[in-house]
């Protein structure tokens, strides 16, 4: 989605941010006390990163869970503006050991 330069509004990403909050709320009820979570927050480079799915499988064998909270079309500035929203919902739903931006 094209946005004017300097746009400070991340409302265009709200559908994905809402989806993250819903997933986190659902997970909170099914994985109470889960730990060793790695959260990826970023743009479509993380969202579309196929190897990240393989990390999830590999790391699961070592007791880690990977949560991908990247939203497409975002710039680094967008990610930083939305970080508090994404991180507060996601971190509250899990014992996040690492957050990768």
PDB file of N, CA and C in Angstrom:
ATOM      1  N   UNK A   1       0.848  -1.170   0.000  1.00  0.00           N
ATOM      2  CA  UNK A   1       0.000   0.000   0.000  1.00  0.00           C
ATOM      3  C   UNK A   1       0.896   1.237   0.000  1.00  0.00           C
ATOM      4  N   UNK A   2       0.726   2.109  -0.952  1.00  0.00           N
ATOM      5  CA  UNK A   2       1.526   3.325  -1.024  1.00  0.00           C
ATOM      6  C   UNK A   2       1.011   4.349  -0.026  1.00  0.00           C
ATOM      7  N   UNK A   3       1.953   4.958   0.663  1.00  0.00           N
ATOM      8  CA  UNK A   3       1.610   5.995   1.634  1.00  0.00           C
ATOM      9  C   UNK A   3       2.466   7.214   1.352  1.00  0.00           C
ATOM     10  N   UNK A   4       1.973   8.364   1.679  1.00  0.00           N
ATOM     11  CA  UNK A   4       2.736   9.592   1.496  1.00  0.00           C
ATOM     12  C   UNK A   4       3.955   9.577   2.396  1.00  0.00           C
ATOM     13  N   UNK A   5       5.059  10.122   1.922  1.00  0.00           N
ATOM     14  CA  UNK A   5       6.273  10.180   2.729  1.00  0.00           C
ATOM     15  C   UNK A   5       6.018  10.884   4.043  1.00  0.00           C
ATOM     16  N   UNK A   6       6.616  10.366   5.091  1.00  0.00           N
ATOM     17  CA  UNK A   6       6.468  10.978   6.403  1.00  0.00           C
ATOM     18  C   UNK A   6       5.173  10.636   7.105  1.00  0.00           C
ATOM     19  N   UNK A   7       4.375   9.759   6.537  1.00  0.00           N
ATOM     20  CA  UNK A   7       3.104   9.373   7.149  1.00  0.00           C
ATOM     21  C   UNK A   7       3.362   8.744   8.515  1.00  0.00           C
ATOM     22  N   UNK A   8       2.770   9.301   9.559  1.00  0.00           N
ATOM     23  CA  UNK A   8       2.952   8.806  10.920  1.00  0.00           C
ATOM     24  C   UNK A   8       1.853   7.848  11.345  1.00  0.00           C
ATOM     25  N   UNK A   9       0.898   7.604  10.482  1.00  0.00           N
ATOM     26  CA  UNK A   9      -0.280   6.817  10.818  1.00  0.00           C
ATOM     27  C   UNK A   9      -0.057   5.350  10.455  1.00  0.00           C
ATOM     28  N   UNK A  10      -0.289   4.453  11.396  1.00  0.00           N
ATOM     29  CA  UNK A  10      -0.181   3.021  11.106  1.00  0.00           C
ATOM     30  C   UNK A  10      -1.562   2.362  11.088  1.00  0.00           C
ATOM     31  N   UNK A  11      -2.615   3.164  10.918  1.00  0.00           N
ATOM     32  CA  UNK A  11      -3.964   2.586  10.904  1.00  0.00           C
ATOM     33  C   UNK A  11      -4.146   1.615   9.738  1.00  0.00           C
ATOM     34  N   UNK A  12      -3.385   1.793   8.661  1.00  0.00           N
ATOM     35  CA  UNK A  12      -3.456   0.876   7.526  1.00  0.00           C
ATOM     36  C   UNK A  12      -3.074  -0.548   7.945  1.00  0.00           C
ATOM     37  N   UNK A  13      -2.281  -0.687   9.009  1.00  0.00           N
ATOM     38  CA  UNK A  13      -1.837  -2.001   9.481  1.00  0.00           C
ATOM     39  C   UNK A  13      -2.770  -2.573  10.545  1.00  0.00           C
ATOM     40  N   UNK A  14      -3.791  -1.833  10.916  1.00  0.00           N
ATOM     41  CA  UNK A  14      -4.663  -2.250  12.011  1.00  0.00           C
ATOM     42  C   UNK A  14      -5.266  -3.647  11.824  1.00  0.00           C
ATOM     43  N   UNK A  15      -5.688  -4.052  10.622  1.00  0.00           N
ATOM     44  CA  UNK A  15      -6.221  -5.418  10.495  1.00  0.00           C
ATOM     45  C   UNK A  15      -5.214  -6.491  10.937  1.00  0.00           C
ATOM     46  N   UNK A  16      -3.948  -6.336  10.561  1.00  0.00           N
ATOM     47  CA  UNK A  16      -2.946  -7.320  10.989  1.00  0.00           C
ATOM     48  C   UNK A  16      -2.648  -7.198  12.476  1.00  0.00           C
ATOM     49  N   UNK A  17      -2.593  -5.987  12.988  1.00  0.00           N
ATOM     50  CA  UNK A  17      -2.342  -5.804  14.419  1.00  0.00           C
ATOM     51  C   UNK A  17      -3.483  -6.402  15.240  1.00  0.00           C
ATOM     52  N   UNK A  18      -4.719  -6.239  14.752  1.00  0.00           N
ATOM     53  CA  UNK A  18      -5.879  -6.858  15.410  1.00  0.00           C
ATOM     54  C   UNK A  18      -5.769  -8.382  15.392  1.00  0.00           C
ATOM     55  N   UNK A  19      -5.313  -8.918  14.260  1.00  0.00           N
ATOM     56  CA  UNK A  19      -5.135 -10.374  14.146  1.00  0.00           C
ATOM     57  C   UNK A  19      -4.101 -10.864  15.162  1.00  0.00           C
ATOM     58  N   UNK A  20      -3.004 -10.115  15.339  1.00  0.00           N
ATOM     59  CA  UNK A  20      -1.994 -10.494  16.333  1.00  0.00           C
ATOM     60  C   UNK A  20      -2.596 -10.521  17.732  1.00  0.00           C
ATOM     61  N   UNK A  21      -3.387  -9.495  18.055  1.00  0.00           N
ATOM     62  CA  UNK A  21      -4.013  -9.449  19.385  1.00  0.00           C
ATOM     63  C   UNK A  21      -4.954 -10.634  19.599  1.00  0.00           C
ATOM     64  N   UNK A  22      -5.713 -10.988  18.546  1.00  0.00           N
ATOM     65  CA  UNK A  22      -6.620 -12.138  18.645  1.00  0.00           C
ATOM     66  C   UNK A  22      -5.832 -13.431  18.839  1.00  0.00           C
ATOM     67  N   UNK A  23      -4.788 -13.635  18.038  1.00  0.00           N
ATOM     68  CA  UNK A  23      -3.957 -14.838  18.178  1.00  0.00           C
ATOM     69  C   UNK A  23      -3.349 -14.928  19.571  1.00  0.00           C
ATOM     70  N   UNK A  24      -2.869 -13.790  20.065  1.00  0.00           N
ATOM     71  CA  UNK A  24      -2.244 -13.779  21.387  1.00  0.00           C
ATOM     72  C   UNK A  24      -3.256 -14.081  22.484  1.00  0.00           C
ATOM     73  N   UNK A  25      -4.468 -13.552  22.347  1.00  0.00           N
ATOM     74  CA  UNK A  25      -5.507 -13.825  23.348  1.00  0.00           C
ATOM     75  C   UNK A  25      -5.877 -15.303  23.340  1.00  0.00           C
ATOM     76  N   UNK A  26      -5.997 -15.884  22.150  1.00  0.00           N
ATOM     77  CA  UNK A  26      -6.305 -17.315  22.047  1.00  0.00           C
ATOM     78  C   UNK A  26      -5.175 -18.149  22.636  1.00  0.00           C
ATOM     79  N   UNK A  27      -3.959 -17.779  22.322  1.00  0.00           N
ATOM     80  CA  UNK A  27      -2.805 -18.534  22.795  1.00  0.00           C
ATOM     81  C   UNK A  27      -2.652 -18.432  24.306  1.00  0.00           C
ATOM     82  N   UNK A  28      -3.004 -17.299  24.854  1.00  0.00           N
ATOM     83  CA  UNK A  28      -2.896 -17.096  26.298  1.00  0.00           C
ATOM     84  C   UNK A  28      -3.717 -18.139  27.056  1.00  0.00           C
ATOM     85  N   UNK A  29      -4.838 -18.531  26.487  1.00  0.00           N
ATOM     86  CA  UNK A  29      -5.700 -19.497  27.173  1.00  0.00           C
ATOM     87  C   UNK A  29      -5.248 -20.935  26.962  1.00  0.00           C
ATOM     88  N   UNK A  30      -4.453 -21.182  25.918  1.00  0.00           N
ATOM     89  CA  UNK A  30      -4.052 -22.560  25.627  1.00  0.00           C
ATOM     90  C   UNK A  30      -2.615 -22.876  26.001  1.00  0.00           C
ATOM     91  N   UNK A  31      -1.801 -21.849  26.249  1.00  0.00           N
ATOM     92  CA  UNK A  31      -0.387 -22.104  26.541  1.00  0.00           C
ATOM     93  C   UNK A  31       0.038 -21.421  27.830  1.00  0.00           C
ATOM     94  N   UNK A  32      -0.830 -21.418  28.789  1.00  0.00           N
ATOM     95  CA  UNK A  32      -0.536 -20.794  30.080  1.00  0.00           C
ATOM     96  C   UNK A  32       0.789 -21.328  30.610  1.00  0.00           C
ATOM     97  N   UNK A  33       1.689 -20.413  30.960  1.00  0.00           N
ATOM     98  CA  UNK A  33       2.966 -20.812  31.526  1.00  0.00           C
ATOM     99  C   UNK A  33       4.007 -21.206  30.491  1.00  0.00           C
ATOM    100  N   UNK A  34       3.710 -21.031  29.209  1.00  0.00           N
ATOM    101  CA  UNK A  34       4.693 -21.370  28.180  1.00  0.00           C
ATOM    102  C   UNK A  34       5.895 -20.450  28.304  1.00  0.00           C
ATOM    103  N   UNK A  35       7.041 -20.972  27.943  1.00  0.00           N
ATOM    104  CA  UNK A  35       8.228 -20.124  28.005  1.00  0.00           C
ATOM    105  C   UNK A  35       9.119 -20.393  26.804  1.00  0.00           C
ATOM    106  N   UNK A  36      10.288 -19.765  26.818  1.00  0.00           N
ATOM    107  CA  UNK A  36      11.245 -19.902  25.723  1.00  0.00           C
ATOM    108  C   UNK A  36      10.641 -19.506  24.380  1.00  0.00           C
ATOM    109  N   UNK A  37      10.082 -18.313  24.331  1.00  0.00           N
ATOM    110  CA  UNK A  37       9.467 -17.802  23.112  1.00  0.00           C
ATOM    111  C   UNK A  37      10.391 -16.774  22.472  1.00  0.00           C
ATOM    112  N   UNK A  38      10.544 -16.874  21.145  1.00  0.00           N
ATOM    113  CA  UNK A  38      11.268 -15.890  20.347  1.00  0.00           C
ATOM    114  C   UNK A  38      10.231 -15.194  19.480  1.00  0.00           C
ATOM    115  N   UNK A  39      10.183 -13.864  19.565  1.00  0.00           N
ATOM    116  CA  UNK A  39       9.204 -13.090  18.804  1.00  0.00           C
ATOM    117  C   UNK A  39       9.933 -12.293  17.725  1.00  0.00           C
ATOM    118  N   UNK A  40       9.504 -12.450  16.485  1.00  0.00           N
ATOM    119  CA  UNK A  40      10.021 -11.668  15.373  1.00  0.00           C
ATOM    120  C   UNK A  40       9.018 -10.564  15.072  1.00  0.00           C
ATOM    121  N   UNK A  41       9.469  -9.317  15.112  1.00  0.00           N
ATOM    122  CA  UNK A  41       8.631  -8.160  14.800  1.00  0.00           C
ATOM    123  C   UNK A  41       9.325  -7.414  13.676  1.00  0.00           C
ATOM    124  N   UNK A  42       8.613  -7.174  12.584  1.00  0.00           N
ATOM    125  CA  UNK A  42       9.237  -6.465  11.479  1.00  0.00           C
ATOM    126  C   UNK A  42       8.295  -6.324  10.309  1.00  0.00           C
ATOM    127  N   UNK A  43       8.897  -6.115   9.160  1.00  0.00           N
ATOM    128  CA  UNK A  43       8.130  -5.917   7.938  1.00  0.00           C
ATOM    129  C   UNK A  43       7.943  -7.252   7.231  1.00  0.00           C
ATOM    130  N   UNK A  44       7.589  -7.174   5.970  1.00  0.00           N
ATOM    131  CA  UNK A  44       7.340  -8.391   5.203  1.00  0.00           C
ATOM    132  C   UNK A  44       8.592  -9.236   5.033  1.00  0.00           C
ATOM    133  N   UNK A  45       9.764  -8.671   5.286  1.00  0.00           N
ATOM    134  CA  UNK A  45      10.973  -9.489   5.193  1.00  0.00           C
ATOM    135  C   UNK A  45      10.899 -10.651   6.182  1.00  0.00           C
ATOM    136  N   UNK A  46      10.300 -10.427   7.351  1.00  0.00           N
ATOM    137  CA  UNK A  46      10.075 -11.521   8.297  1.00  0.00           C
ATOM    138  C   UNK A  46       8.797 -12.286   7.949  1.00  0.00           C
ATOM    139  N   UNK A  47       7.774 -11.552   7.575  1.00  0.00           N
ATOM    140  CA  UNK A  47       6.488 -12.208   7.307  1.00  0.00           C
ATOM    141  C   UNK A  47       6.606 -13.232   6.189  1.00  0.00           C
ATOM    142  N   UNK A  48       7.354 -12.902   5.156  1.00  0.00           N
ATOM    143  CA  UNK A  48       7.482 -13.783   3.993  1.00  0.00           C
ATOM    144  C   UNK A  48       8.709 -14.697   4.064  1.00  0.00           C
ATOM    145  N   UNK A  49       9.453 -14.638   5.121  1.00  0.00           N
ATOM    146  CA  UNK A  49      10.696 -15.398   5.241  1.00  0.00           C
ATOM    147  C   UNK A  49      10.376 -16.873   5.458  1.00  0.00           C
ATOM    148  N   UNK A  50      10.530 -17.657   4.433  1.00  0.00           N
ATOM    149  CA  UNK A  50      10.168 -19.078   4.501  1.00  0.00           C
ATOM    150  C   UNK A  50      11.009 -19.836   5.514  1.00  0.00           C
ATOM    151  N   UNK A  51      12.282 -19.476   5.604  1.00  0.00           N
ATOM    152  CA  UNK A  51      13.159 -20.172   6.542  1.00  0.00           C
ATOM    153  C   UNK A  51      12.723 -19.966   7.990  1.00  0.00           C
ATOM    154  N   UNK A  52      12.005 -18.888   8.258  1.00  0.00           N
ATOM    155  CA  UNK A  52      11.519 -18.650   9.617  1.00  0.00           C
ATOM    156  C   UNK A  52      10.576 -19.769  10.041  1.00  0.00           C
ATOM    157  N   UNK A  53       9.803 -20.276   9.103  1.00  0.00           N
ATOM    158  CA  UNK A  53       8.926 -21.412   9.418  1.00  0.00           C
ATOM    159  C   UNK A  53       9.754 -22.641   9.782  1.00  0.00           C
ATOM    160  N   UNK A  54      10.881 -22.821   9.095  1.00  0.00           N
ATOM    161  CA  UNK A  54      11.768 -23.947   9.412  1.00  0.00           C
ATOM    162  C   UNK A  54      12.398 -23.748  10.789  1.00  0.00           C
ATOM    163  N   UNK A  55      12.736 -22.495  11.139  1.00  0.00           N
ATOM    164  CA  UNK A  55      13.263 -22.220  12.481  1.00  0.00           C
ATOM    165  C   UNK A  55      12.269 -22.679  13.531  1.00  0.00           C
ATOM    166  N   UNK A  56      11.000 -22.396  13.288  1.00  0.00           N
ATOM    167  CA  UNK A  56       9.962 -22.769  14.244  1.00  0.00           C
ATOM    168  C   UNK A  56      10.016 -24.268  14.520  1.00  0.00           C
ATOM    169  N   UNK A  57      10.127 -25.055  13.461  1.00  0.00           N
ATOM    170  CA  UNK A  57      10.198 -26.510  13.627  1.00  0.00           C
ATOM    171  C   UNK A  57      11.493 -26.935  14.313  1.00  0.00           C
ATOM    172  N   UNK A  58      12.619 -26.359  13.867  1.00  0.00           N
ATOM    173  CA  UNK A  58      13.915 -26.716  14.457  1.00  0.00           C
ATOM    174  C   UNK A  58      13.989 -26.318  15.921  1.00  0.00           C
ATOM    175  N   UNK A  59      13.571 -25.096  16.218  1.00  0.00           N
ATOM    176  CA  UNK A  59      13.675 -24.597  17.580  1.00  0.00           C
ATOM    177  C   UNK A  59      12.696 -25.308  18.503  1.00  0.00           C
ATOM    178  N   UNK A  60      11.582 -25.778  17.959  1.00  0.00           N
ATOM    179  CA  UNK A  60      10.596 -26.488  18.778  1.00  0.00           C
ATOM    180  C   UNK A  60      11.213 -27.740  19.393  1.00  0.00           C
ATOM    181  N   UNK A  61      12.107 -28.367  18.658  1.00  0.00           N
ATOM    182  CA  UNK A  61      12.771 -29.560  19.191  1.00  0.00           C
ATOM    183  C   UNK A  61      13.625 -29.234  20.410  1.00  0.00           C
ATOM    184  N   UNK A  62      14.083 -27.982  20.488  1.00  0.00           N
ATOM    185  CA  UNK A  62      14.894 -27.545  21.630  1.00  0.00           C
ATOM    186  C   UNK A  62      14.064 -26.824  22.683  1.00  0.00           C
ATOM    187  N   UNK A  63      12.744 -26.884  22.562  1.00  0.00           N
ATOM    188  CA  UNK A  63      11.870 -26.278  23.559  1.00  0.00           C
ATOM    189  C   UNK A  63      11.547 -24.813  23.321  1.00  0.00           C
ATOM    190  N   UNK A  64      11.848 -24.272  22.141  1.00  0.00           N
ATOM    191  CA  UNK A  64      11.553 -22.877  21.811  1.00  0.00           C
ATOM    192  C   UNK A  64      10.329 -22.802  20.919  1.00  0.00           C
ATOM    193  N   UNK A  65       9.584 -21.706  21.055  1.00  0.00           N
ATOM    194  CA  UNK A  65       8.476 -21.407  20.142  1.00  0.00           C
ATOM    195  C   UNK A  65       8.784 -20.094  19.446  1.00  0.00           C
ATOM    196  N   UNK A  66       8.524 -20.039  18.155  1.00  0.00           N
ATOM    197  CA  UNK A  66       8.738 -18.828  17.370  1.00  0.00           C
ATOM    198  C   UNK A  66       7.383 -18.217  17.066  1.00  0.00           C
ATOM    199  N   UNK A  67       7.245 -16.926  17.368  1.00  0.00           N
ATOM    200  CA  UNK A  67       6.015 -16.201  17.038  1.00  0.00           C
ATOM    201  C   UNK A  67       6.383 -15.108  16.040  1.00  0.00           C
ATOM    202  N   UNK A  68       5.787 -15.172  14.867  1.00  0.00           N
ATOM    203  CA  UNK A  68       6.060 -14.197  13.823  1.00  0.00           C
ATOM    204  C   UNK A  68       5.009 -13.097  13.898  1.00  0.00           C
ATOM    205  N   UNK A  69       5.426 -11.916  14.259  1.00  0.00           N
ATOM    206  CA  UNK A  69       4.515 -10.778  14.366  1.00  0.00           C
ATOM    207  C   UNK A  69       4.927  -9.665  13.403  1.00  0.00           C
ATOM    208  N   UNK A  70       5.340 -10.074  12.203  1.00  0.00           N
ATOM    209  CA  UNK A  70       5.705  -9.115  11.165  1.00  0.00           C
ATOM    210  C   UNK A  70       4.463  -8.740  10.372  1.00  0.00           C
ATOM    211  N   UNK A  71       4.411  -7.489   9.932  1.00  0.00           N
ATOM    212  CA  UNK A  71       3.273  -7.058   9.124  1.00  0.00           C
ATOM    213  C   UNK A  71       3.772  -6.408   7.847  1.00  0.00           C
ATOM    214  N   UNK A  72       3.256  -6.893   6.736  1.00  0.00           N
ATOM    215  CA  UNK A  72       3.724  -6.513   5.415  1.00  0.00           C
ATOM    216  C   UNK A  72       3.448  -5.075   5.044  1.00  0.00           C
ATOM    217  N   UNK A  73       4.336  -4.564   4.198  1.00  0.00           N
ATOM    218  CA  UNK A  73       4.190  -3.204   3.723  1.00  0.00           C
ATOM    219  C   UNK A  73       4.738  -2.161   4.667  1.00  0.00           C
ATOM    220  N   UNK A  74       5.276  -2.597   5.783  1.00  0.00           N
ATOM    221  CA  UNK A  74       5.750  -1.637   6.779  1.00  0.00           C
ATOM    222  C   UNK A  74       7.206  -1.264   6.540  1.00  0.00           C
ATOM    223  N   UNK A  75       7.531  -0.079   6.954  1.00  0.00           N
ATOM    224  CA  UNK A  75       8.915   0.380   6.977  1.00  0.00           C
ATOM    225  C   UNK A  75       9.432   0.209   8.401  1.00  0.00           C
ATOM    226  N   UNK A  76      10.716   0.424   8.575  1.00  0.00           N
ATOM    227  CA  UNK A  76      11.271   0.351   9.929  1.00  0.00           C
ATOM    228  C   UNK A  76      10.572   1.355  10.837  1.00  0.00           C
ATOM    229  N   UNK A  77      10.302   2.546  10.321  1.00  0.00           N
ATOM    230  CA  UNK A  77       9.611   3.563  11.123  1.00  0.00           C
ATOM    231  C   UNK A  77       8.217   3.079  11.527  1.00  0.00           C
ATOM    232  N   UNK A  78       7.500   2.418  10.606  1.00  0.00           N
ATOM    233  CA  UNK A  78       6.173   1.875  10.927  1.00  0.00           C
ATOM    234  C   UNK A  78       6.270   0.820  12.019  1.00  0.00           C
ATOM    235  N   UNK A  79       7.257  -0.060  11.890  1.00  0.00           N
ATOM    236  CA  UNK A  79       7.442  -1.121  12.886  1.00  0.00           C
ATOM    237  C   UNK A  79       7.707  -0.510  14.252  1.00  0.00           C
ATOM    238  N   UNK A  80       8.553   0.501  14.298  1.00  0.00           N
ATOM    239  CA  UNK A  80       8.854   1.140  15.582  1.00  0.00           C
ATOM    240  C   UNK A  80       7.627   1.826  16.163  1.00  0.00           C
ATOM    241  N   UNK A  81       6.803   2.461  15.305  1.00  0.00           N
ATOM    242  CA  UNK A  81       5.587   3.115  15.801  1.00  0.00           C
ATOM    243  C   UNK A  81       4.592   2.094  16.343  1.00  0.00           C
ATOM    244  N   UNK A  82       4.515   0.928  15.717  1.00  0.00           N
ATOM    245  CA  UNK A  82       3.544  -0.090  16.137  1.00  0.00           C
ATOM    246  C   UNK A  82       4.128  -1.064  17.157  1.00  0.00           C
ATOM    247  N   UNK A  83       5.413  -0.931  17.470  1.00  0.00           N
ATOM    248  CA  UNK A  83       6.089  -1.917  18.319  1.00  0.00           C
ATOM    249  C   UNK A  83       5.416  -2.083  19.676  1.00  0.00           C
ATOM    250  N   UNK A  84       5.070  -0.989  20.332  1.00  0.00           N
ATOM    251  CA  UNK A  84       4.450  -1.093  21.655  1.00  0.00           C
ATOM    252  C   UNK A  84       3.160  -1.904  21.599  1.00  0.00           C
ATOM    253  N   UNK A  85       2.367  -1.673  20.561  1.00  0.00           N
ATOM    254  CA  UNK A  85       1.108  -2.405  20.410  1.00  0.00           C
ATOM    255  C   UNK A  85       1.379  -3.891  20.195  1.00  0.00           C
ATOM    256  N   UNK A  86       2.272  -4.205  19.269  1.00  0.00           N
ATOM    257  CA  UNK A  86       2.578  -5.604  18.958  1.00  0.00           C
ATOM    258  C   UNK A  86       3.235  -6.285  20.147  1.00  0.00           C
ATOM    259  N   UNK A  87       4.244  -5.659  20.695  1.00  0.00           N
ATOM    260  CA  UNK A  87       5.006  -6.292  21.775  1.00  0.00           C
ATOM    261  C   UNK A  87       4.182  -6.452  23.043  1.00  0.00           C
ATOM    262  N   UNK A  88       3.377  -5.462  23.385  1.00  0.00           N
ATOM    263  CA  UNK A  88       2.626  -5.576  24.637  1.00  0.00           C
ATOM    264  C   UNK A  88       1.630  -6.722  24.566  1.00  0.00           C
ATOM    265  N   UNK A  89       0.978  -6.897  23.439  1.00  0.00           N
ATOM    266  CA  UNK A  89       0.026  -7.993  23.281  1.00  0.00           C
ATOM    267  C   UNK A  89       0.743  -9.334  23.248  1.00  0.00           C
ATOM    268  N   UNK A  90       1.797  -9.413  22.468  1.00  0.00           N
ATOM    269  CA  UNK A  90       2.504 -10.676  22.278  1.00  0.00           C
ATOM    270  C   UNK A  90       3.284 -11.080  23.510  1.00  0.00           C
ATOM    271  N   UNK A  91       3.988 -10.147  24.107  1.00  0.00           N
ATOM    272  CA  UNK A  91       4.782 -10.466  25.292  1.00  0.00           C
ATOM    273  C   UNK A  91       3.876 -10.844  26.449  1.00  0.00           C
ATOM    274  N   UNK A  92       2.717 -10.217  26.534  1.00  0.00           N
ATOM    275  CA  UNK A  92       1.777 -10.552  27.608  1.00  0.00           C
ATOM    276  C   UNK A  92       1.244 -11.969  27.461  1.00  0.00           C
ATOM    277  N   UNK A  93       1.243 -12.501  26.242  1.00  0.00           N
ATOM    278  CA  UNK A  93       0.697 -13.838  26.022  1.00  0.00           C
ATOM    279  C   UNK A  93       1.740 -14.932  26.169  1.00  0.00           C
ATOM    280  N   UNK A  94       2.993 -14.555  26.360  1.00  0.00           N
ATOM    281  CA  UNK A  94       4.050 -15.564  26.424  1.00  0.00           C
ATOM    282  C   UNK A  94       5.212 -15.047  27.254  1.00  0.00           C
ATOM    283  N   UNK A  95       6.019 -15.957  27.685  1.00  0.00           N
ATOM    284  CA  UNK A  95       7.239 -15.594  28.389  1.00  0.00           C
ATOM    285  C   UNK A  95       8.323 -15.405  27.337  1.00  0.00           C
ATOM    286  N   UNK A  96       8.329 -14.248  26.697  1.00  0.00           N
ATOM    287  CA  UNK A  96       9.263 -13.994  25.600  1.00  0.00           C
ATOM    288  C   UNK A  96      10.681 -13.866  26.133  1.00  0.00           C
ATOM    289  N   UNK A  97      11.556 -14.690  25.618  1.00  0.00           N
ATOM    290  CA  UNK A  97      12.965 -14.639  26.000  1.00  0.00           C
ATOM    291  C   UNK A  97      13.753 -13.748  25.060  1.00  0.00           C
ATOM    292  N   UNK A  98      13.284 -13.642  23.814  1.00  0.00           N
ATOM    293  CA  UNK A  98      13.983 -12.836  22.813  1.00  0.00           C
ATOM    294  C   UNK A  98      12.949 -12.148  21.929  1.00  0.00           C
ATOM    295  N   UNK A  99      13.224 -10.893  21.599  1.00  0.00           N
ATOM    296  CA  UNK A  99      12.416 -10.156  20.626  1.00  0.00           C
ATOM    297  C   UNK A  99      13.382  -9.672  19.564  1.00  0.00           C
ATOM    298  N   UNK A 100      13.164 -10.077  18.333  1.00  0.00           N
ATOM    299  CA  UNK A 100      14.045  -9.718  17.226  1.00  0.00           C
ATOM    300  C   UNK A 100      13.288  -8.770  16.317  1.00  0.00           C
ATOM    301  N   UNK A 101      13.863  -7.574  16.112  1.00  0.00           N
ATOM    302  CA  UNK A 101      13.242  -6.547  15.274  1.00  0.00           C
ATOM    303  C   UNK A 101      14.038  -6.430  13.993  1.00  0.00           C
TER     304      UNK A 101
END
